[in-house]
Amino acid sequence: HIRLGDGNMTRIQADTERWLDEVGSLVGETKILFYPHGERP
């Protein structure tokens, strides 16, 4: 549930990899991303 607006690429990349590994591996591929806090990348 991270903020995407500050452009912290190290955190964003690590978080995305973790989501794909722990969540995406269960629910399957998705093309939909919902911004936490509504905050735009």
Full PDB file with SEQRES, HELIX, SHEET, SSBOND, CRYST1, ORIGX, SCALE, CONECT and MASTER records, all heavy atoms in Angstrom:
SEQRES   1 A   41  HIS ILE ARG LEU GLY ASP GLY ASN MET THR ARG ILE GLN          
SEQRES   2 A   41  ALA ASP THR GLU ARG TRP LEU ASP GLU VAL GLY SER LEU          
SEQRES   3 A   41  VAL GLY GLU THR LYS ILE LEU PHE TYR PRO HIS GLY GLU          
SEQRES   4 A   41  ARG PRO                                                      
HELIX    1 AA1 MET A    9  TRP A   19  1                                  11    
HELIX    2 AA2 LEU A   20  GLY A   24  3                                   5    
HELIX    3 AA3 SER A   25  VAL A   27  1                                   3    
HELIX    4 AA4 PRO A   36  GLY A   38  5                                   3    
CRYST1    1.000    1.000    1.000  90.00  90.00  90.00 P 1           1          
ORIGX1      1.000000  0.000000  0.000000        0.00000                         
ORIGX2      0.000000  1.000000  0.000000        0.00000                         
ORIGX3      0.000000  0.000000  1.000000        0.00000                         
SCALE1      1.000000  0.000000  0.000000        0.00000                         
SCALE2      0.000000  1.000000  0.000000        0.00000                         
SCALE3      0.000000  0.000000  1.000000        0.00000                         
ATOM      1  N   HIS A   1       0.848  -1.199   0.000  1.00  0.00           N  
ATOM      2  CA  HIS A   1       0.000   0.000   0.000  1.00  0.00           C  
ATOM      3  C   HIS A   1       0.885   1.251   0.000  1.00  0.00           C  
ATOM      4  O   HIS A   1       0.684   2.209   0.755  1.00  0.00           O  
ATOM      5  CB  HIS A   1      -0.930   0.003   1.218  1.00  0.00           C  
ATOM      6  CG  HIS A   1      -2.195   0.793   1.001  1.00  0.00           C  
ATOM      7  ND1 HIS A   1      -2.280   2.151   1.265  1.00  0.00           N  
ATOM      8  CD2 HIS A   1      -3.415   0.434   0.540  1.00  0.00           C  
ATOM      9  CE1 HIS A   1      -3.498   2.587   0.984  1.00  0.00           C  
ATOM     10  NE2 HIS A   1      -4.211   1.559   0.528  1.00  0.00           N  
ATOM     11  N   ILE A   2       1.868   1.258  -0.895  1.00  0.00           N  
ATOM     12  CA  ILE A   2       2.881   2.313  -0.883  1.00  0.00           C  
ATOM     13  C   ILE A   2       2.426   3.528  -1.675  1.00  0.00           C  
ATOM     14  O   ILE A   2       1.540   3.452  -2.525  1.00  0.00           O  
ATOM     15  CB  ILE A   2       4.219   1.792  -1.458  1.00  0.00           C  
ATOM     16  CG1 ILE A   2       4.061   1.415  -2.935  1.00  0.00           C  
ATOM     17  CG2 ILE A   2       4.741   0.621  -0.643  1.00  0.00           C  
ATOM     18  CD1 ILE A   2       5.365   1.120  -3.644  1.00  0.00           C  
ATOM     19  N   ARG A   3       3.061   4.631  -1.417  1.00  0.00           N  
ATOM     20  CA  ARG A   3       2.828   5.848  -2.193  1.00  0.00           C  
ATOM     21  C   ARG A   3       3.682   5.802  -3.457  1.00  0.00           C  
ATOM     22  O   ARG A   3       4.864   5.482  -3.403  1.00  0.00           O  
ATOM     23  CB  ARG A   3       3.154   7.085  -1.361  1.00  0.00           C  
ATOM     24  CG  ARG A   3       2.199   7.261  -0.182  1.00  0.00           C  
ATOM     25  CD  ARG A   3       2.361   8.612   0.486  1.00  0.00           C  
ATOM     26  NE  ARG A   3       1.357   8.800   1.536  1.00  0.00           N  
ATOM     27  CZ  ARG A   3       0.134   9.243   1.331  1.00  0.00           C  
ATOM     28  NH1 ARG A   3      -0.261   9.560   0.109  1.00  0.00           N  
ATOM     29  NH2 ARG A   3      -0.715   9.395   2.330  1.00  0.00           N  
ATOM     30  N   LEU A   4       3.053   6.107  -4.582  1.00  0.00           N  
ATOM     31  CA  LEU A   4       3.733   6.059  -5.871  1.00  0.00           C  
ATOM     32  C   LEU A   4       4.158   7.435  -6.363  1.00  0.00           C  
ATOM     33  O   LEU A   4       4.858   7.549  -7.361  1.00  0.00           O  
ATOM     34  CB  LEU A   4       2.826   5.410  -6.921  1.00  0.00           C  
ATOM     35  CG  LEU A   4       2.383   3.976  -6.635  1.00  0.00           C  
ATOM     36  CD1 LEU A   4       1.320   3.538  -7.634  1.00  0.00           C  
ATOM     37  CD2 LEU A   4       3.580   3.035  -6.673  1.00  0.00           C  
ATOM     38  N   GLY A   5       3.745   8.478  -5.661  1.00  0.00           N  
ATOM     39  CA  GLY A   5       3.933   9.825  -6.176  1.00  0.00           C  
ATOM     40  C   GLY A   5       5.340  10.371  -6.060  1.00  0.00           C  
ATOM     41  O   GLY A   5       5.706  11.290  -6.796  1.00  0.00           O  
ATOM     42  N   ASP A   6       6.147   9.816  -5.135  1.00  0.00           N  
ATOM     43  CA  ASP A   6       7.471  10.414  -4.934  1.00  0.00           C  
ATOM     44  C   ASP A   6       8.526   9.849  -5.886  1.00  0.00           C  
ATOM     45  O   ASP A   6       9.672  10.291  -5.890  1.00  0.00           O  
ATOM     46  CB  ASP A   6       7.930  10.245  -3.488  1.00  0.00           C  
ATOM     47  CG  ASP A   6       8.100   8.777  -3.090  1.00  0.00           C  
ATOM     48  OD1 ASP A   6       7.932   7.892  -3.958  1.00  0.00           O  
ATOM     49  OD2 ASP A   6       8.385   8.511  -1.904  1.00  0.00           O  
ATOM     50  N   GLY A   7       8.149   8.846  -6.708  1.00  0.00           N  
ATOM     51  CA  GLY A   7       9.079   8.318  -7.696  1.00  0.00           C  
ATOM     52  C   GLY A   7      10.261   7.559  -7.109  1.00  0.00           C  
ATOM     53  O   GLY A   7      11.307   7.442  -7.758  1.00  0.00           O  
ATOM     54  N   ASN A   8      10.132   7.037  -5.895  1.00  0.00           N  
ATOM     55  CA  ASN A   8      11.213   6.251  -5.288  1.00  0.00           C  
ATOM     56  C   ASN A   8      11.283   4.895  -5.992  1.00  0.00           C  
ATOM     57  O   ASN A   8      10.593   3.944  -5.634  1.00  0.00           O  
ATOM     58  CB  ASN A   8      10.941   6.072  -3.792  1.00  0.00           C  
ATOM     59  CG  ASN A   8      12.068   5.348  -3.074  1.00  0.00           C  
ATOM     60  OD1 ASN A   8      12.748   4.491  -3.645  1.00  0.00           O  
ATOM     61  ND2 ASN A   8      12.252   5.689  -1.812  1.00  0.00           N  
ATOM     62  N   MET A   9      12.145   4.812  -7.012  1.00  0.00           N  
ATOM     63  CA  MET A   9      12.139   3.639  -7.878  1.00  0.00           C  
ATOM     64  C   MET A   9      12.621   2.377  -7.154  1.00  0.00           C  
ATOM     65  O   MET A   9      12.151   1.284  -7.446  1.00  0.00           O  
ATOM     66  CB  MET A   9      12.993   3.899  -9.119  1.00  0.00           C  
ATOM     67  CG  MET A   9      12.402   4.954 -10.055  1.00  0.00           C  
ATOM     68  SD  MET A   9      10.702   4.561 -10.544  1.00  0.00           S  
ATOM     69  CE  MET A   9      10.945   2.988 -11.363  1.00  0.00           C  
ATOM     70  N   THR A  10      13.544   2.521  -6.223  1.00  0.00           N  
ATOM     71  CA  THR A  10      14.023   1.342  -5.492  1.00  0.00           C  
ATOM     72  C   THR A  10      12.870   0.688  -4.749  1.00  0.00           C  
ATOM     73  O   THR A  10      12.672  -0.537  -4.801  1.00  0.00           O  
ATOM     74  CB  THR A  10      15.137   1.740  -4.515  1.00  0.00           C  
ATOM     75  OG1 THR A  10      16.227   2.314  -5.249  1.00  0.00           O  
ATOM     76  CG2 THR A  10      15.637   0.527  -3.739  1.00  0.00           C  
ATOM     77  N   ARG A  11      12.083   1.519  -4.055  1.00  0.00           N  
ATOM     78  CA  ARG A  11      10.957   0.977  -3.296  1.00  0.00           C  
ATOM     79  C   ARG A  11       9.870   0.446  -4.230  1.00  0.00           C  
ATOM     80  O   ARG A  11       9.296  -0.631  -3.992  1.00  0.00           O  
ATOM     81  CB  ARG A  11      10.380   2.048  -2.369  1.00  0.00           C  
ATOM     82  CG  ARG A  11       9.295   1.492  -1.443  1.00  0.00           C  
ATOM     83  CD  ARG A  11       8.697   2.546  -0.532  1.00  0.00           C  
ATOM     84  NE  ARG A  11       7.883   3.488  -1.282  1.00  0.00           N  
ATOM     85  CZ  ARG A  11       8.133   4.789  -1.367  1.00  0.00           C  
ATOM     86  NH1 ARG A  11       9.181   5.300  -0.754  1.00  0.00           N  
ATOM     87  NH2 ARG A  11       7.345   5.587  -2.071  1.00  0.00           N  
ATOM     88  N   ILE A  12       9.565   1.184  -5.281  1.00  0.00           N  
ATOM     89  CA  ILE A  12       8.494   0.770  -6.202  1.00  0.00           C  
ATOM     90  C   ILE A  12       8.837  -0.551  -6.877  1.00  0.00           C  
ATOM     91  O   ILE A  12       7.992  -1.449  -7.001  1.00  0.00           O  
ATOM     92  CB  ILE A  12       8.238   1.880  -7.241  1.00  0.00           C  
ATOM     93  CG1 ILE A  12       7.599   3.098  -6.551  1.00  0.00           C  
ATOM     94  CG2 ILE A  12       7.340   1.380  -8.369  1.00  0.00           C  
ATOM     95  CD1 ILE A  12       7.501   4.334  -7.421  1.00  0.00           C  
ATOM     96  N   GLN A  13      10.083  -0.713  -7.299  1.00  0.00           N  
ATOM     97  CA  GLN A  13      10.474  -1.959  -7.964  1.00  0.00           C  
ATOM     98  C   GLN A  13      10.437  -3.132  -6.997  1.00  0.00           C  
ATOM     99  O   GLN A  13       9.928  -4.212  -7.329  1.00  0.00           O  
ATOM    100  CB  GLN A  13      11.863  -1.804  -8.566  1.00  0.00           C  
ATOM    101  CG  GLN A  13      11.903  -0.874  -9.770  1.00  0.00           C  
ATOM    102  CD  GLN A  13      13.315  -0.636 -10.284  1.00  0.00           C  
ATOM    103  OE1 GLN A  13      14.264  -1.268  -9.850  1.00  0.00           O  
ATOM    104  NE2 GLN A  13      13.455   0.294 -11.220  1.00  0.00           N  
ATOM    105  N   ALA A  14      10.969  -2.940  -5.794  1.00  0.00           N  
ATOM    106  CA  ALA A  14      10.967  -4.037  -4.810  1.00  0.00           C  
ATOM    107  C   ALA A  14       9.536  -4.420  -4.442  1.00  0.00           C  
ATOM    108  O   ALA A  14       9.196  -5.606  -4.314  1.00  0.00           O  
ATOM    109  CB  ALA A  14      11.751  -3.621  -3.571  1.00  0.00           C  
ATOM    110  N   ASP A  15       8.681  -3.425  -4.274  1.00  0.00           N  
ATOM    111  CA  ASP A  15       7.291  -3.684  -3.903  1.00  0.00           C  
ATOM    112  C   ASP A  15       6.562  -4.437  -5.018  1.00  0.00           C  
ATOM    113  O   ASP A  15       5.815  -5.394  -4.753  1.00  0.00           O  
ATOM    114  CB  ASP A  15       6.588  -2.362  -3.609  1.00  0.00           C  
ATOM    115  CG  ASP A  15       5.133  -2.549  -3.219  1.00  0.00           C  
ATOM    116  OD1 ASP A  15       4.283  -2.626  -4.135  1.00  0.00           O  
ATOM    117  OD2 ASP A  15       4.859  -2.629  -2.014  1.00  0.00           O  
ATOM    118  N   THR A  16       6.776  -4.016  -6.270  1.00  0.00           N  
ATOM    119  CA  THR A  16       6.088  -4.665  -7.393  1.00  0.00           C  
ATOM    120  C   THR A  16       6.525  -6.114  -7.537  1.00  0.00           C  
ATOM    121  O   THR A  16       5.700  -7.015  -7.766  1.00  0.00           O  
ATOM    122  CB  THR A  16       6.353  -3.886  -8.696  1.00  0.00           C  
ATOM    123  OG1 THR A  16       5.957  -2.522  -8.513  1.00  0.00           O  
ATOM    124  CG2 THR A  16       5.588  -4.489  -9.858  1.00  0.00           C  
ATOM    125  N   GLU A  17       7.835  -6.348  -7.407  1.00  0.00           N  
ATOM    126  CA  GLU A  17       8.328  -7.726  -7.496  1.00  0.00           C  
ATOM    127  C   GLU A  17       7.712  -8.590  -6.406  1.00  0.00           C  
ATOM    128  O   GLU A  17       7.352  -9.756  -6.635  1.00  0.00           O  
ATOM    129  CB  GLU A  17       9.851  -7.733  -7.392  1.00  0.00           C  
ATOM    130  CG  GLU A  17      10.547  -7.146  -8.610  1.00  0.00           C  
ATOM    131  CD  GLU A  17      12.038  -6.949  -8.396  1.00  0.00           C  
ATOM    132  OE1 GLU A  17      12.555  -7.384  -7.336  1.00  0.00           O  
ATOM    133  OE2 GLU A  17      12.688  -6.359  -9.292  1.00  0.00           O  
ATOM    134  N   ARG A  18       7.580  -8.017  -5.229  1.00  0.00           N  
ATOM    135  CA  ARG A  18       7.016  -8.781  -4.115  1.00  0.00           C  
ATOM    136  C   ARG A  18       5.536  -9.063  -4.352  1.00  0.00           C  
ATOM    137  O   ARG A  18       5.040 -10.153  -4.027  1.00  0.00           O  
ATOM    138  CB  ARG A  18       7.218  -8.000  -2.817  1.00  0.00           C  
ATOM    139  CG  ARG A  18       7.158  -8.866  -1.579  1.00  0.00           C  
ATOM    140  CD  ARG A  18       7.739  -8.131  -0.407  1.00  0.00           C  
ATOM    141  NE  ARG A  18       7.725  -8.978   0.780  1.00  0.00           N  
ATOM    142  CZ  ARG A  18       8.125  -8.573   1.976  1.00  0.00           C  
ATOM    143  NH1 ARG A  18       8.590  -7.351   2.136  1.00  0.00           N  
ATOM    144  NH2 ARG A  18       8.070  -9.392   3.017  1.00  0.00           N  
ATOM    145  N   TRP A  19       4.792  -8.074  -4.888  1.00  0.00           N  
ATOM    146  CA  TRP A  19       3.381  -8.311  -5.187  1.00  0.00           C  
ATOM    147  C   TRP A  19       3.242  -9.427  -6.221  1.00  0.00           C  
ATOM    148  O   TRP A  19       2.417 -10.340  -6.059  1.00  0.00           O  
ATOM    149  CB  TRP A  19       2.700  -7.036  -5.702  1.00  0.00           C  
ATOM    150  CG  TRP A  19       1.205  -7.183  -5.772  1.00  0.00           C  
ATOM    151  CD1 TRP A  19       0.313  -6.849  -4.804  1.00  0.00           C  
ATOM    152  CD2 TRP A  19       0.432  -7.744  -6.842  1.00  0.00           C  
ATOM    153  NE1 TRP A  19      -0.970  -7.171  -5.197  1.00  0.00           N  
ATOM    154  CE2 TRP A  19      -0.933  -7.721  -6.450  1.00  0.00           C  
ATOM    155  CE3 TRP A  19       0.755  -8.264  -8.089  1.00  0.00           C  
ATOM    156  CZ2 TRP A  19      -1.961  -8.196  -7.263  1.00  0.00           C  
ATOM    157  CZ3 TRP A  19      -0.278  -8.748  -8.912  1.00  0.00           C  
ATOM    158  CH2 TRP A  19      -1.613  -8.704  -8.502  1.00  0.00           C  
ATOM    159  N   LEU A  20       4.025  -9.369  -7.273  1.00  0.00           N  
ATOM    160  CA  LEU A  20       3.932 -10.394  -8.310  1.00  0.00           C  
ATOM    161  C   LEU A  20       4.277 -11.775  -7.749  1.00  0.00           C  
ATOM    162  O   LEU A  20       3.655 -12.778  -8.111  1.00  0.00           O  
ATOM    163  CB  LEU A  20       4.851 -10.048  -9.479  1.00  0.00           C  
ATOM    164  CG  LEU A  20       4.452  -8.804 -10.283  1.00  0.00           C  
ATOM    165  CD1 LEU A  20       5.567  -8.429 -11.260  1.00  0.00           C  
ATOM    166  CD2 LEU A  20       3.145  -9.029 -11.032  1.00  0.00           C  
ATOM    167  N   ASP A  21       5.253 -11.826  -6.845  1.00  0.00           N  
ATOM    168  CA  ASP A  21       5.681 -13.109  -6.281  1.00  0.00           C  
ATOM    169  C   ASP A  21       4.676 -13.669  -5.279  1.00  0.00           C  
ATOM    170  O   ASP A  21       4.348 -14.858  -5.321  1.00  0.00           O  
ATOM    171  CB  ASP A  21       7.044 -12.930  -5.599  1.00  0.00           C  
ATOM    172  CG  ASP A  21       7.534 -14.214  -4.955  1.00  0.00           C  
ATOM    173  OD1 ASP A  21       7.603 -15.244  -5.651  1.00  0.00           O  
ATOM    174  OD2 ASP A  21       7.833 -14.209  -3.740  1.00  0.00           O  
ATOM    175  N   GLU A  22       4.153 -12.830  -4.396  1.00  0.00           N  
ATOM    176  CA  GLU A  22       3.316 -13.333  -3.310  1.00  0.00           C  
ATOM    177  C   GLU A  22       1.825 -13.293  -3.615  1.00  0.00           C  
ATOM    178  O   GLU A  22       1.066 -14.105  -3.091  1.00  0.00           O  
ATOM    179  CB  GLU A  22       3.601 -12.545  -2.026  1.00  0.00           C  
ATOM    180  CG  GLU A  22       5.011 -12.768  -1.501  1.00  0.00           C  
ATOM    181  CD  GLU A  22       5.233 -12.139  -0.136  1.00  0.00           C  
ATOM    182  OE1 GLU A  22       4.239 -11.750   0.521  1.00  0.00           O  
ATOM    183  OE2 GLU A  22       6.403 -12.027   0.276  1.00  0.00           O  
ATOM    184  N   VAL A  23       1.396 -12.339  -4.454  1.00  0.00           N  
ATOM    185  CA  VAL A  23      -0.025 -12.202  -4.758  1.00  0.00           C  
ATOM    186  C   VAL A  23      -0.315 -12.629  -6.197  1.00  0.00           C  
ATOM    187  O   VAL A  23      -1.199 -13.456  -6.446  1.00  0.00           O  
ATOM    188  CB  VAL A  23      -0.511 -10.749  -4.516  1.00  0.00           C  
ATOM    189  CG1 VAL A  23      -2.012 -10.647  -4.773  1.00  0.00           C  
ATOM    190  CG2 VAL A  23      -0.176 -10.300  -3.101  1.00  0.00           C  
ATOM    191  N   GLY A  24       0.448 -12.081  -7.139  1.00  0.00           N  
ATOM    192  CA  GLY A  24       0.229 -12.443  -8.535  1.00  0.00           C  
ATOM    193  C   GLY A  24       0.373 -13.932  -8.792  1.00  0.00           C  
ATOM    194  O   GLY A  24      -0.324 -14.497  -9.642  1.00  0.00           O  
ATOM    195  N   SER A  25       1.250 -14.582  -8.039  1.00  0.00           N  
ATOM    196  CA  SER A  25       1.429 -16.025  -8.215  1.00  0.00           C  
ATOM    197  C   SER A  25       0.184 -16.803  -7.795  1.00  0.00           C  
ATOM    198  O   SER A  25       0.014 -17.962  -8.183  1.00  0.00           O  
ATOM    199  CB  SER A  25       2.635 -16.506  -7.396  1.00  0.00           C  
ATOM    200  OG  SER A  25       2.432 -16.269  -6.005  1.00  0.00           O  
ATOM    201  N   LEU A  26      -0.693 -16.187  -7.019  1.00  0.00           N  
ATOM    202  CA  LEU A  26      -1.937 -16.828  -6.591  1.00  0.00           C  
ATOM    203  C   LEU A  26      -3.125 -16.426  -7.462  1.00  0.00           C  
ATOM    204  O   LEU A  26      -3.911 -17.271  -7.882  1.00  0.00           O  
ATOM    205  CB  LEU A  26      -2.234 -16.484  -5.132  1.00  0.00           C  
ATOM    206  CG  LEU A  26      -1.330 -17.137  -4.084  1.00  0.00           C  
ATOM    207  CD1 LEU A  26      -1.524 -16.485  -2.725  1.00  0.00           C  
ATOM    208  CD2 LEU A  26      -1.603 -18.634  -3.997  1.00  0.00           C  
ATOM    209  N   VAL A  27      -3.262 -15.143  -7.738  1.00  0.00           N  
ATOM    210  CA  VAL A  27      -4.467 -14.676  -8.444  1.00  0.00           C  
ATOM    211  C   VAL A  27      -4.287 -14.660  -9.958  1.00  0.00           C  
ATOM    212  O   VAL A  27      -5.265 -14.527 -10.698  1.00  0.00           O  
ATOM    213  CB  VAL A  27      -4.900 -13.274  -7.958  1.00  0.00           C  
ATOM    214  CG1 VAL A  27      -5.165 -13.290  -6.461  1.00  0.00           C  
ATOM    215  CG2 VAL A  27      -3.871 -12.200  -8.316  1.00  0.00           C  
ATOM    216  N   GLY A  28      -3.057 -14.787 -10.433  1.00  0.00           N  
ATOM    217  CA  GLY A  28      -2.821 -14.780 -11.868  1.00  0.00           C  
ATOM    218  C   GLY A  28      -2.503 -13.386 -12.388  1.00  0.00           C  
ATOM    219  O   GLY A  28      -2.476 -12.401 -11.657  1.00  0.00           O  
ATOM    220  N   GLU A  29      -2.247 -13.317 -13.679  1.00  0.00           N  
ATOM    221  CA  GLU A  29      -1.886 -12.043 -14.298  1.00  0.00           C  
ATOM    222  C   GLU A  29      -3.043 -11.048 -14.230  1.00  0.00           C  
ATOM    223  O   GLU A  29      -4.208 -11.426 -14.298  1.00  0.00           O  
ATOM    224  CB  GLU A  29      -1.495 -12.265 -15.764  1.00  0.00           C  
ATOM    225  CG  GLU A  29      -0.206 -13.044 -15.941  1.00  0.00           C  
ATOM    226  CD  GLU A  29       0.180 -13.168 -17.406  1.00  0.00           C  
ATOM    227  OE1 GLU A  29      -0.533 -12.609 -18.266  1.00  0.00           O  
ATOM    228  OE2 GLU A  29       1.204 -13.813 -17.680  1.00  0.00           O  
ATOM    229  N   THR A  30      -2.700  -9.789 -14.091  1.00  0.00           N  
ATOM    230  CA  THR A  30      -3.697  -8.726 -14.127  1.00  0.00           C  
ATOM    231  C   THR A  30      -3.110  -7.522 -14.842  1.00  0.00           C  
ATOM    232  O   THR A  30      -1.901  -7.277 -14.767  1.00  0.00           O  
ATOM    233  CB  THR A  30      -4.159  -8.322 -12.721  1.00  0.00           C  
ATOM    234  OG1 THR A  30      -5.127  -7.270 -12.831  1.00  0.00           O  
ATOM    235  CG2 THR A  30      -3.002  -7.835 -11.864  1.00  0.00           C  
ATOM    236  N   LYS A  31      -3.973  -6.774 -15.512  1.00  0.00           N  
ATOM    237  CA  LYS A  31      -3.561  -5.537 -16.167  1.00  0.00           C  
ATOM    238  C   LYS A  31      -4.012  -4.308 -15.392  1.00  0.00           C  
ATOM    239  O   LYS A  31      -3.803  -3.183 -15.842  1.00  0.00           O  
ATOM    240  CB  LYS A  31      -4.147  -5.484 -17.584  1.00  0.00           C  
ATOM    241  CG  LYS A  31      -3.607  -6.561 -18.508  1.00  0.00           C  
ATOM    242  CD  LYS A  31      -4.176  -6.440 -19.909  1.00  0.00           C  
ATOM    243  CE  LYS A  31      -3.592  -7.506 -20.835  1.00  0.00           C  
ATOM    244  NZ  LYS A  31      -4.120  -7.402 -22.211  1.00  0.00           N  
ATOM    245  N   ILE A  32      -4.608  -4.520 -14.212  1.00  0.00           N  
ATOM    246  CA  ILE A  32      -5.237  -3.426 -13.479  1.00  0.00           C  
ATOM    247  C   ILE A  32      -4.403  -3.065 -12.252  1.00  0.00           C  
ATOM    248  O   ILE A  32      -4.068  -3.931 -11.440  1.00  0.00           O  
ATOM    249  CB  ILE A  32      -6.660  -3.795 -13.022  1.00  0.00           C  
ATOM    250  CG1 ILE A  32      -7.425  -4.526 -14.136  1.00  0.00           C  
ATOM    251  CG2 ILE A  32      -7.392  -2.557 -12.554  1.00  0.00           C  
ATOM    252  CD1 ILE A  32      -7.636  -3.740 -15.389  1.00  0.00           C  
ATOM    253  N   LEU A  33      -4.071  -1.777 -12.125  1.00  0.00           N  
ATOM    254  CA  LEU A  33      -3.375  -1.269 -10.947  1.00  0.00           C  
ATOM    255  C   LEU A  33      -4.217  -0.161 -10.324  1.00  0.00           C  
ATOM    256  O   LEU A  33      -4.587   0.806 -10.995  1.00  0.00           O  
ATOM    257  CB  LEU A  33      -1.998  -0.717 -11.320  1.00  0.00           C  
ATOM    258  CG  LEU A  33      -1.206  -0.080 -10.170  1.00  0.00           C  
ATOM    259  CD1 LEU A  33      -0.853  -1.126  -9.115  1.00  0.00           C  
ATOM    260  CD2 LEU A  33       0.068   0.587 -10.696  1.00  0.00           C  
ATOM    261  N   PHE A  34      -4.534  -0.319  -9.037  1.00  0.00           N  
ATOM    262  CA  PHE A  34      -5.297   0.672  -8.285  1.00  0.00           C  
ATOM    263  C   PHE A  34      -4.321   1.419  -7.379  1.00  0.00           C  
ATOM    264  O   PHE A  34      -3.671   0.819  -6.528  1.00  0.00           O  
ATOM    265  CB  PHE A  34      -6.376  -0.012  -7.444  1.00  0.00           C  
ATOM    266  CG  PHE A  34      -7.390  -0.777  -8.266  1.00  0.00           C  
ATOM    267  CD1 PHE A  34      -7.245  -2.140  -8.499  1.00  0.00           C  
ATOM    268  CD2 PHE A  34      -8.485  -0.133  -8.813  1.00  0.00           C  
ATOM    269  CE1 PHE A  34      -8.172  -2.850  -9.253  1.00  0.00           C  
ATOM    270  CE2 PHE A  34      -9.425  -0.821  -9.569  1.00  0.00           C  
ATOM    271  CZ  PHE A  34      -9.267  -2.177  -9.787  1.00  0.00           C  
ATOM    272  N   TYR A  35      -4.218   2.734  -7.566  1.00  0.00           N  
ATOM    273  CA  TYR A  35      -3.249   3.520  -6.815  1.00  0.00           C  
ATOM    274  C   TYR A  35      -3.605   3.565  -5.330  1.00  0.00           C  
ATOM    275  O   TYR A  35      -4.711   4.002  -4.974  1.00  0.00           O  
ATOM    276  CB  TYR A  35      -3.200   4.961  -7.314  1.00  0.00           C  
ATOM    277  CG  TYR A  35      -2.809   5.159  -8.760  1.00  0.00           C  
ATOM    278  CD1 TYR A  35      -3.219   6.307  -9.443  1.00  0.00           C  
ATOM    279  CD2 TYR A  35      -2.017   4.236  -9.449  1.00  0.00           C  
ATOM    280  CE1 TYR A  35      -2.858   6.530 -10.761  1.00  0.00           C  
ATOM    281  CE2 TYR A  35      -1.659   4.445 -10.770  1.00  0.00           C  
ATOM    282  CZ  TYR A  35      -2.085   5.592 -11.421  1.00  0.00           C  
ATOM    283  OH  TYR A  35      -1.728   5.817 -12.729  1.00  0.00           O  
ATOM    284  N   PRO A  36      -2.697   3.182  -4.439  1.00  0.00           N  
ATOM    285  CA  PRO A  36      -2.937   3.405  -3.007  1.00  0.00           C  
ATOM    286  C   PRO A  36      -3.052   4.904  -2.715  1.00  0.00           C  
ATOM    287  O   PRO A  36      -2.322   5.720  -3.296  1.00  0.00           O  
ATOM    288  CB  PRO A  36      -1.686   2.814  -2.351  1.00  0.00           C  
ATOM    289  CG  PRO A  36      -1.149   1.838  -3.358  1.00  0.00           C  
ATOM    290  CD  PRO A  36      -1.464   2.432  -4.691  1.00  0.00           C  
ATOM    291  N   HIS A  37      -3.975   5.251  -1.855  1.00  0.00           N  
ATOM    292  CA  HIS A  37      -4.240   6.649  -1.490  1.00  0.00           C  
ATOM    293  C   HIS A  37      -4.687   7.474  -2.697  1.00  0.00           C  
ATOM    294  O   HIS A  37      -4.784   8.709  -2.599  1.00  0.00           O  
ATOM    295  CB  HIS A  37      -2.999   7.312  -0.874  1.00  0.00           C  
ATOM    296  CG  HIS A  37      -2.284   6.467   0.127  1.00  0.00           C  
ATOM    297  ND1 HIS A  37      -2.739   6.280   1.417  1.00  0.00           N  
ATOM    298  CD2 HIS A  37      -1.137   5.723   0.023  1.00  0.00           C  
ATOM    299  CE1 HIS A  37      -1.911   5.483   2.064  1.00  0.00           C  
ATOM    300  NE2 HIS A  37      -0.941   5.124   1.248  1.00  0.00           N  
ATOM    301  N   GLY A  38      -4.946   6.842  -3.838  1.00  0.00           N  
ATOM    302  CA  GLY A  38      -5.276   7.588  -5.045  1.00  0.00           C  
ATOM    303  C   GLY A  38      -4.109   8.373  -5.613  1.00  0.00           C  
ATOM    304  O   GLY A  38      -4.283   9.203  -6.516  1.00  0.00           O  
ATOM    305  N   GLU A  39      -2.904   8.114  -5.125  1.00  0.00           N  
ATOM    306  CA  GLU A  39      -1.725   8.926  -5.475  1.00  0.00           C  
ATOM    307  C   GLU A  39      -1.117   8.458  -6.793  1.00  0.00           C  
ATOM    308  O   GLU A  39      -0.741   7.303  -6.946  1.00  0.00           O  
ATOM    309  CB  GLU A  39      -0.697   8.843  -4.355  1.00  0.00           C  
ATOM    310  CG  GLU A  39       0.457   9.791  -4.518  1.00  0.00           C  
ATOM    311  CD  GLU A  39       1.351   9.782  -3.295  1.00  0.00           C  
ATOM    312  OE1 GLU A  39       0.953  10.362  -2.261  1.00  0.00           O  
ATOM    313  OE2 GLU A  39       2.428   9.184  -3.359  1.00  0.00           O  
ATOM    314  N   ARG A  40      -0.978   9.389  -7.731  1.00  0.00           N  
ATOM    315  CA  ARG A  40      -0.555   9.065  -9.090  1.00  0.00           C  
ATOM    316  C   ARG A  40       0.957   8.883  -9.176  1.00  0.00           C  
ATOM    317  O   ARG A  40       1.707   9.633  -8.545  1.00  0.00           O  
ATOM    318  CB  ARG A  40      -1.026  10.155 -10.053  1.00  0.00           C  
ATOM    319  CG  ARG A  40      -2.533  10.353 -10.009  1.00  0.00           C  
ATOM    320  CD  ARG A  40      -3.010  11.537 -10.831  1.00  0.00           C  
ATOM    321  NE  ARG A  40      -4.428  11.781 -10.593  1.00  0.00           N  
ATOM    322  CZ  ARG A  40      -5.416  11.118 -11.195  1.00  0.00           C  
ATOM    323  NH1 ARG A  40      -5.139  10.186 -12.081  1.00  0.00           N  
ATOM    324  NH2 ARG A  40      -6.672  11.382 -10.910  1.00  0.00           N  
ATOM    325  N   PRO A  41       1.434   7.925  -9.975  1.00  0.00           N  
ATOM    326  CA  PRO A  41       2.883   7.724 -10.122  1.00  0.00           C  
ATOM    327  C   PRO A  41       3.563   9.002 -10.591  1.00  0.00           C  
ATOM    328  O   PRO A  41       3.039   9.733 -11.440  1.00  0.00           O  
ATOM    329  CB  PRO A  41       2.983   6.631 -11.183  1.00  0.00           C  
ATOM    330  CG  PRO A  41       1.680   5.919 -11.132  1.00  0.00           C  
ATOM    331  CD  PRO A  41       0.661   6.951 -10.761  1.00  0.00           C  
TER     332      PRO A  41                                                      
MASTER        0    0    0    4    0    0    0    6  331    1    0    4          
END                                                                             
